[in-house]
Amino acid sequence: MAMPMESPISFTNVGRIRWWQRGIFASQTGYVLLALAVLLVIMHFASPYFFTEGNMQNVAKNFSFIAIATLGVTFVIITGGIDLSVGSMMCFSAMITSMVMTELSAPGSPAGALFVHLAADGKTVIANVPGLILLVSIVAGLGVALIAGLVNGFCIAVLGLSPFVTTLGMLSIVRGLGYVVSNGRGSFPGGPDADRFYALTSGDVLGVPVPFIYLVILALTMAVVLHHTSFGRHVFALGGNEKAAELTGIPVVRVKIEVYVICALAAGLQGIIISGWLGSAPANMATSYELNVIAAAVIGGANLAGGIGGPLGAIVGCVLLEVIRNGLVLAQVSSYWQQTLVGVIIILAVLVDRIRSRMS
């Protein structure tokens, strides 16, 4: 006699993904995007000027002034490190760029004759090769950033020093060198390539600010590098478990040095762009910017413990901070509240991520 077949036992709770573990809620960046969307709606009703073309251009340009450096810091944070010297590095690179540009544009300087000559009126300086002074000046500014990044990476990866202590020391060293070379005075980009410098740093293309274009290009490049190259996989592996990464053959020392170099170069480029917007490189430029840069990265989802982060989160964090700042200005609220709100948002972002992780 045939025995009746029993219905198979099914476990409906096995493999089920909760709503807070999928889609936009799968990462901290998703929650921040949601908060940003809500904030934009609030600003739309709070001020009729927020979504005007001019204000949107200002927002795009202003958040780009910290976003490029935030991309660099995100590389470091993914590996489980930190770089507190980015603000000072912005200032020093900008000052070196401006000072070299001015020095090479002076006919009486030792190297000036190689780059410029006087016009027939005996007063106007004309470039021997258009754009050469600008190129050399930018290379000089990024060169000092490269050296600082190498020193940071060597001290942390080879000597085994703490990233916090090392970069805190570099913050003071670089800021002090800036005061030494400038005697505490600001420097101004000058010479025949000055107009080109301003066009490349504070101009626009079809109404889009140039800094924003640089940001998009660098963010796309970072996304490709992190998710489609062996270097990117090594960076994430380092932040996930450094010992395990070393045992699998990943060149830990080299990767660490490279991420600190990338961070320093990003900060140097950011400083050069800001100096073009300001029209000068004051000795106190970008003071405490490292706090805003790191805050934007953390708010955007980069985990200070390492292993998590990306360009989208970095940009979203920067946009959120700029929308808050811009909204406070339009609402005629004291800008001093900005730092308070940033601190609250950081704590809330980390708290939401912690709650989500525990629920998982």
Protein backbone atom coordinates (compact mmCIF):
# COMPACT_ATOMS: atom_id res chain seq x y z
CA MET A 1 0.00 0.00 0.00
CA ALA A 2 1.41 3.37 -0.98
CA MET A 3 2.27 5.65 1.90
CA PRO A 4 1.03 9.24 1.62
CA MET A 5 3.85 11.72 0.91
CA GLU A 6 4.47 14.22 3.62
CA SER A 7 4.68 17.82 2.60
CA PRO A 8 8.24 19.14 2.73
CA ILE A 9 9.20 21.24 5.71
CA SER A 10 10.02 24.83 4.73
CA PHE A 11 11.74 27.44 6.86
CA THR A 12 10.36 30.76 5.72
CA ASN A 13 12.74 32.74 7.90
CA VAL A 14 15.91 31.22 6.42
CA GLY A 15 17.61 33.45 3.88
CA ARG A 16 15.03 36.18 4.22
CA ILE A 17 16.54 39.62 3.93
CA ARG A 18 14.91 42.21 6.12
CA TRP A 19 13.81 45.51 4.58
CA TRP A 20 16.58 47.42 6.39
CA GLN A 21 19.21 45.12 4.88
CA ARG A 22 18.43 45.62 1.20
CA GLY A 23 18.21 48.38 -1.37
CA ILE A 24 18.91 51.91 -0.27
CA PHE A 25 18.95 50.85 3.40
CA ALA A 26 21.82 48.37 2.93
CA SER A 27 24.45 50.98 3.80
CA GLN A 28 24.89 54.14 5.83
CA THR A 29 25.21 56.09 2.58
CA GLY A 30 21.60 55.20 1.79
CA TYR A 31 20.34 56.68 5.03
CA VAL A 32 22.36 59.84 4.47
CA LEU A 33 20.95 60.13 0.94
CA LEU A 34 17.47 59.85 2.40
CA ALA A 35 18.28 62.53 4.99
CA LEU A 36 19.67 64.75 2.24
CA ALA A 37 16.49 64.35 0.18
CA VAL A 38 14.36 65.33 3.17
CA LEU A 39 16.61 68.33 3.84
CA LEU A 40 16.31 69.48 0.21
CA VAL A 41 12.51 69.34 0.42
CA ILE A 42 12.60 71.36 3.64
CA MET A 43 14.90 73.96 2.07
CA HIS A 44 12.61 74.21 -0.97
CA PHE A 45 9.75 75.38 1.26
CA ALA A 46 11.96 77.33 3.68
CA SER A 47 13.55 79.59 1.06
CA PRO A 48 12.43 80.51 -2.48
CA TYR A 49 16.05 81.20 -3.38
CA PHE A 50 17.48 77.76 -2.60
CA PHE A 51 16.77 76.07 -5.94
CA THR A 52 17.69 79.06 -8.08
CA GLU A 53 20.36 78.51 -10.74
CA GLY A 54 22.84 80.82 -9.05
CA ASN A 55 22.49 79.16 -5.66
CA MET A 56 22.79 75.66 -7.13
CA GLN A 57 26.03 76.74 -8.82
CA ASN A 58 27.29 78.05 -5.50
CA VAL A 59 26.40 74.79 -3.75
CA ALA A 60 28.13 72.72 -6.45
CA LYS A 61 31.26 74.87 -6.30
CA ASN A 62 31.43 75.11 -2.51
CA PHE A 63 31.05 71.42 -1.70
CA SER A 64 33.64 70.67 -4.39
CA PHE A 65 36.12 72.69 -2.33
CA ILE A 66 36.31 69.90 0.26
CA ALA A 67 35.04 66.92 -1.73
CA ILE A 68 38.27 66.24 -3.65
CA ALA A 69 40.24 66.07 -0.40
CA THR A 70 37.46 63.89 1.07
CA LEU A 71 37.97 61.37 -1.74
CA GLY A 72 41.64 61.13 -0.74
CA VAL A 73 40.88 60.78 2.96
CA THR A 74 38.35 58.06 2.17
CA PHE A 75 41.15 55.94 0.67
CA VAL A 76 43.04 56.21 3.97
CA ILE A 77 39.97 55.55 6.14
CA ILE A 78 39.12 52.41 4.16
CA THR A 79 42.50 50.97 5.16
CA GLY A 80 41.74 51.74 8.81
CA GLY A 81 43.99 54.81 8.96
CA ILE A 82 43.45 58.54 9.39
CA ASP A 83 45.11 61.67 7.99
CA LEU A 84 44.84 64.85 10.05
CA SER A 85 47.29 66.84 7.90
CA VAL A 86 45.00 67.48 4.91
CA GLY A 87 44.08 71.03 5.90
CA SER A 88 47.69 72.10 6.35
CA MET A 89 48.61 70.27 3.14
CA MET A 90 46.01 72.27 1.22
CA CYS A 91 47.53 75.52 2.45
CA PHE A 92 51.16 74.55 1.83
CA SER A 93 50.58 73.27 -1.72
CA ALA A 94 48.59 76.39 -2.58
CA MET A 95 51.30 78.65 -1.19
CA ILE A 96 54.11 76.86 -3.03
CA THR A 97 52.16 77.00 -6.29
CA SER A 98 51.50 80.73 -5.96
CA MET A 99 55.05 81.55 -4.86
CA VAL A 100 56.67 79.57 -7.67
CA MET A 101 54.33 81.17 -10.22
CA THR A 102 55.22 84.63 -8.99
CA GLU A 103 58.96 83.90 -8.76
CA LEU A 104 59.19 82.45 -12.27
CA SER A 105 57.31 85.46 -13.63
CA ALA A 106 59.90 87.95 -12.35
CA PRO A 107 62.52 88.78 -15.04
CA GLY A 108 65.10 89.62 -12.39
CA SER A 109 64.88 86.24 -10.66
CA PRO A 110 67.55 83.57 -11.32
CA ALA A 111 65.15 81.34 -13.28
CA GLY A 112 62.88 84.08 -14.55
CA ALA A 113 64.74 84.61 -17.83
CA LEU A 114 63.99 81.02 -18.85
CA PHE A 115 60.25 81.59 -18.59
CA VAL A 116 59.48 85.26 -19.32
CA HIS A 117 60.74 88.33 -21.12
CA LEU A 118 59.72 91.97 -21.12
CA ALA A 119 57.56 93.42 -23.85
CA ALA A 120 58.58 96.44 -25.92
CA ASP A 121 57.24 98.80 -23.28
CA GLY A 122 59.76 97.40 -20.80
CA LYS A 123 57.06 96.75 -18.20
CA THR A 124 54.76 93.99 -19.40
CA VAL A 125 55.97 90.44 -18.75
CA ILE A 126 55.33 87.94 -21.57
CA ALA A 127 55.68 84.17 -21.23
CA ASN A 128 58.32 82.52 -23.38
CA VAL A 129 56.16 79.38 -23.59
CA PRO A 130 52.47 79.97 -22.77
CA GLY A 131 51.29 77.77 -19.90
CA LEU A 132 54.77 76.54 -18.94
CA ILE A 133 54.95 78.64 -15.76
CA LEU A 134 51.52 77.36 -14.73
CA LEU A 135 52.54 73.76 -15.34
CA VAL A 136 55.80 74.05 -13.39
CA SER A 137 54.04 75.83 -10.51
CA ILE A 138 51.32 73.20 -10.18
CA VAL A 139 53.91 70.41 -10.35
CA ALA A 140 55.84 72.15 -7.56
CA GLY A 141 52.73 72.45 -5.41
CA LEU A 142 51.78 68.80 -5.92
CA GLY A 143 55.43 67.81 -5.46
CA VAL A 144 55.54 69.02 -1.86
CA ALA A 145 52.27 67.17 -1.23
CA LEU A 146 53.81 64.02 -2.68
CA ILE A 147 56.80 64.31 -0.33
CA ALA A 148 54.54 64.81 2.70
CA GLY A 149 52.46 61.80 1.70
CA LEU A 150 55.56 59.66 1.31
CA VAL A 151 56.80 60.69 4.76
CA ASN A 152 53.41 59.91 6.32
CA GLY A 153 53.25 56.54 4.57
CA PHE A 154 56.83 55.61 5.47
CA CYS A 155 56.40 56.48 9.16
CA ILE A 156 53.11 54.55 9.39
CA ALA A 157 53.80 51.55 7.15
CA VAL A 158 57.53 51.00 7.68
CA LEU A 159 58.26 52.44 11.12
CA GLY A 160 54.93 51.31 12.54
CA LEU A 161 53.95 54.67 14.04
CA SER A 162 50.34 55.49 14.84
CA PRO A 163 48.49 57.17 11.92
CA PHE A 164 46.87 59.61 14.35
CA VAL A 165 50.13 60.74 15.93
CA THR A 166 52.08 60.78 12.66
CA THR A 167 49.59 62.88 10.72
CA LEU A 168 48.99 65.15 13.70
CA GLY A 169 52.72 65.84 13.70
CA MET A 170 52.69 66.40 9.94
CA LEU A 171 49.82 68.86 10.40
CA SER A 172 52.08 71.05 12.56
CA ILE A 173 55.18 70.54 10.39
CA VAL A 174 53.51 71.51 7.13
CA ARG A 175 51.62 74.43 8.63
CA GLY A 176 54.84 75.68 10.23
CA LEU A 177 56.76 75.37 6.95
CA GLY A 178 54.05 77.43 5.29
CA TYR A 179 54.61 80.24 7.76
CA VAL A 180 58.39 79.93 7.36
CA VAL A 181 58.50 80.18 3.56
CA SER A 182 55.97 83.02 3.48
CA ASN A 183 56.99 84.87 6.65
CA GLY A 184 53.36 84.63 7.68
CA ARG A 185 52.16 86.55 4.63
CA GLY A 186 49.84 85.31 1.92
CA SER A 187 50.99 84.71 -1.65
CA PHE A 188 49.22 85.68 -4.84
CA PRO A 189 49.34 83.94 -8.23
CA GLY A 190 50.91 86.36 -10.67
CA GLY A 191 52.59 86.61 -14.03
CA PRO A 192 51.43 85.97 -17.59
CA ASP A 193 49.78 82.65 -16.69
CA ALA A 194 47.65 84.06 -13.87
CA ASP A 195 44.51 84.29 -16.03
CA ARG A 196 44.93 80.67 -17.11
CA PHE A 197 45.33 79.67 -13.47
CA TYR A 198 42.10 81.39 -12.46
CA ALA A 199 40.25 79.91 -15.43
CA LEU A 200 41.38 76.38 -14.49
CA THR A 201 40.56 76.73 -10.80
CA SER A 202 37.52 79.00 -10.50
CA GLY A 203 36.08 79.17 -14.00
CA ASP A 204 33.11 77.30 -15.45
CA VAL A 205 32.25 75.28 -18.55
CA LEU A 206 28.74 75.85 -19.93
CA GLY A 207 27.67 77.12 -16.53
CA VAL A 208 29.14 74.16 -14.64
CA PRO A 209 31.88 75.13 -12.13
CA VAL A 210 35.28 73.71 -13.06
CA PRO A 211 35.94 72.33 -9.54
CA PHE A 212 32.73 70.27 -9.85
CA ILE A 213 33.93 68.83 -13.17
CA TYR A 214 37.24 67.83 -11.58
CA LEU A 215 35.32 66.22 -8.73
CA VAL A 216 33.14 64.11 -11.04
CA ILE A 217 36.16 62.89 -13.02
CA LEU A 218 38.11 61.99 -9.88
CA ALA A 219 35.11 60.31 -8.22
CA LEU A 220 34.50 58.12 -11.28
CA THR A 221 38.20 57.27 -11.39
CA MET A 222 38.16 56.37 -7.70
CA ALA A 223 35.10 54.12 -8.19
CA VAL A 224 36.84 52.25 -11.01
CA VAL A 225 40.07 51.90 -9.02
CA LEU A 226 38.36 50.65 -5.86
CA HIS A 227 36.00 48.17 -7.48
CA HIS A 228 37.74 47.05 -10.67
CA THR A 229 41.47 46.89 -9.92
CA SER A 230 43.69 44.75 -7.75
CA PHE A 231 44.86 47.87 -5.91
CA GLY A 232 41.28 48.62 -4.86
CA ARG A 233 40.77 45.07 -3.62
CA HIS A 234 44.00 45.36 -1.64
CA VAL A 235 42.80 48.60 -0.04
CA PHE A 236 39.56 46.97 1.16
CA ALA A 237 41.40 43.84 2.29
CA LEU A 238 43.78 45.95 4.34
CA GLY A 239 40.90 47.64 6.14
CA GLY A 240 39.04 44.37 6.68
CA ASN A 241 41.91 42.46 8.29
CA GLU A 242 45.48 43.64 7.86
CA LYS A 243 47.06 40.46 9.23
CA ALA A 244 45.01 38.24 6.94
CA ALA A 245 45.81 40.51 3.99
CA GLU A 246 49.52 40.19 4.70
CA LEU A 247 49.27 36.39 4.94
CA THR A 248 47.57 36.24 1.53
CA GLY A 249 50.51 38.01 -0.08
CA ILE A 250 49.14 41.54 -0.35
CA PRO A 251 52.00 44.11 -0.25
CA VAL A 252 50.71 45.85 2.86
CA VAL A 253 53.57 48.35 3.19
CA ARG A 254 53.36 49.48 -0.42
CA VAL A 255 49.56 49.85 -0.37
CA LYS A 256 49.67 51.87 2.85
CA ILE A 257 52.26 54.26 1.46
CA GLU A 258 50.29 54.63 -1.76
CA VAL A 259 47.02 55.57 -0.03
CA TYR A 260 48.73 58.26 2.05
CA VAL A 261 50.36 59.64 -1.10
CA ILE A 262 46.97 59.69 -2.84
CA CYS A 263 45.45 61.48 0.15
CA ALA A 264 48.21 64.12 0.21
CA LEU A 265 47.98 64.71 -3.56
CA ALA A 266 44.20 65.11 -3.33
CA ALA A 267 44.63 67.64 -0.51
CA GLY A 268 47.31 69.49 -2.49
CA LEU A 269 45.09 69.70 -5.57
CA GLN A 270 42.20 70.86 -3.41
CA GLY A 271 44.31 73.64 -1.93
CA ILE A 272 45.45 74.84 -5.37
CA ILE A 273 41.82 75.00 -6.53
CA ILE A 274 40.74 76.92 -3.43
CA SER A 275 43.56 79.45 -3.87
CA GLY A 276 42.28 80.15 -7.38
CA TRP A 277 38.82 80.82 -5.99
CA LEU A 278 40.19 83.07 -3.23
CA GLY A 279 42.65 84.81 -5.53
CA SER A 280 45.43 84.20 -3.03
CA ALA A 281 46.92 81.63 -0.68
CA PRO A 282 46.85 83.13 2.85
CA ALA A 283 49.05 81.56 5.48
CA ASN A 284 46.01 80.52 7.55
CA MET A 285 44.13 79.00 4.63
CA ALA A 286 42.16 75.78 5.23
CA THR A 287 42.66 75.93 9.00
CA SER A 288 40.66 73.08 10.61
CA TYR A 289 39.49 71.86 7.19
CA GLU A 290 40.66 68.39 8.17
CA LEU A 291 37.70 68.21 10.57
CA ASN A 292 35.17 68.97 7.83
CA VAL A 293 36.86 66.58 5.41
CA ILE A 294 36.93 63.66 7.85
CA ALA A 295 33.40 64.48 9.04
CA ALA A 296 32.10 64.37 5.46
CA ALA A 297 33.75 60.99 4.85
CA VAL A 298 32.37 59.51 8.08
CA ILE A 299 28.88 60.92 7.53
CA GLY A 300 28.94 59.46 4.02
CA GLY A 301 29.54 55.96 5.35
CA ALA A 302 33.31 55.51 5.62
CA ASN A 303 34.01 53.38 8.70
CA LEU A 304 36.90 54.57 10.87
CA ALA A 305 37.56 50.92 11.73
CA GLY A 306 38.33 50.30 8.06
CA GLY A 307 36.97 48.16 5.26
CA ILE A 308 34.02 50.38 4.25
CA GLY A 309 33.83 53.51 2.13
CA GLY A 310 33.59 54.86 -1.39
CA PRO A 311 33.33 57.97 -3.58
CA LEU A 312 29.52 58.17 -3.51
CA GLY A 313 29.44 58.34 0.27
CA ALA A 314 32.22 60.94 0.33
CA ILE A 315 30.36 63.18 -2.10
CA VAL A 316 27.00 62.73 -0.34
CA GLY A 317 28.60 63.68 2.97
CA CYS A 318 30.09 66.84 1.44
CA VAL A 319 26.79 67.80 -0.21
CA LEU A 320 24.93 67.37 3.08
CA LEU A 321 27.37 69.64 4.93
CA GLU A 322 27.19 72.29 2.21
CA VAL A 323 23.38 72.20 2.04
CA ILE A 324 23.28 72.74 5.80
CA ARG A 325 25.71 75.65 5.56
CA ASN A 326 23.89 77.19 2.60
CA GLY A 327 20.50 76.68 4.23
CA LEU A 328 21.62 78.41 7.41
CA VAL A 329 22.80 81.41 5.39
CA LEU A 330 19.53 81.65 3.43
CA ALA A 331 17.51 81.24 6.63
CA GLN A 332 19.60 84.03 8.21
CA VAL A 333 20.66 81.72 11.02
CA SER A 334 24.06 82.23 12.61
CA SER A 335 26.67 80.18 10.75
CA TYR A 336 28.14 79.24 14.12
CA TRP A 337 25.37 76.65 14.39
CA GLN A 338 26.94 74.76 11.50
CA GLN A 339 29.59 73.03 13.60
CA THR A 340 26.98 72.06 16.17
CA LEU A 341 24.74 70.51 13.52
CA VAL A 342 27.69 68.72 11.91
CA GLY A 343 28.57 67.12 15.23
CA VAL A 344 24.97 66.02 15.79
CA ILE A 345 24.78 64.54 12.28
CA ILE A 346 28.03 62.60 12.76
CA ILE A 347 26.74 61.03 15.97
CA LEU A 348 23.35 60.25 14.42
CA ALA A 349 24.96 58.72 11.31
CA VAL A 350 27.17 56.43 13.39
CA LEU A 351 24.28 55.60 15.72
CA VAL A 352 21.97 54.61 12.85
CA ASP A 353 24.70 52.48 11.33
CA ARG A 354 25.33 50.75 14.67
CA ILE A 355 21.62 50.04 15.18
CA ARG A 356 21.33 48.70 11.63
CA SER A 357 24.36 46.43 12.18
CA ARG A 358 22.93 45.02 15.40
CA MET A 359 19.58 44.36 13.75
CA SER A 360 21.40 42.44 11.03
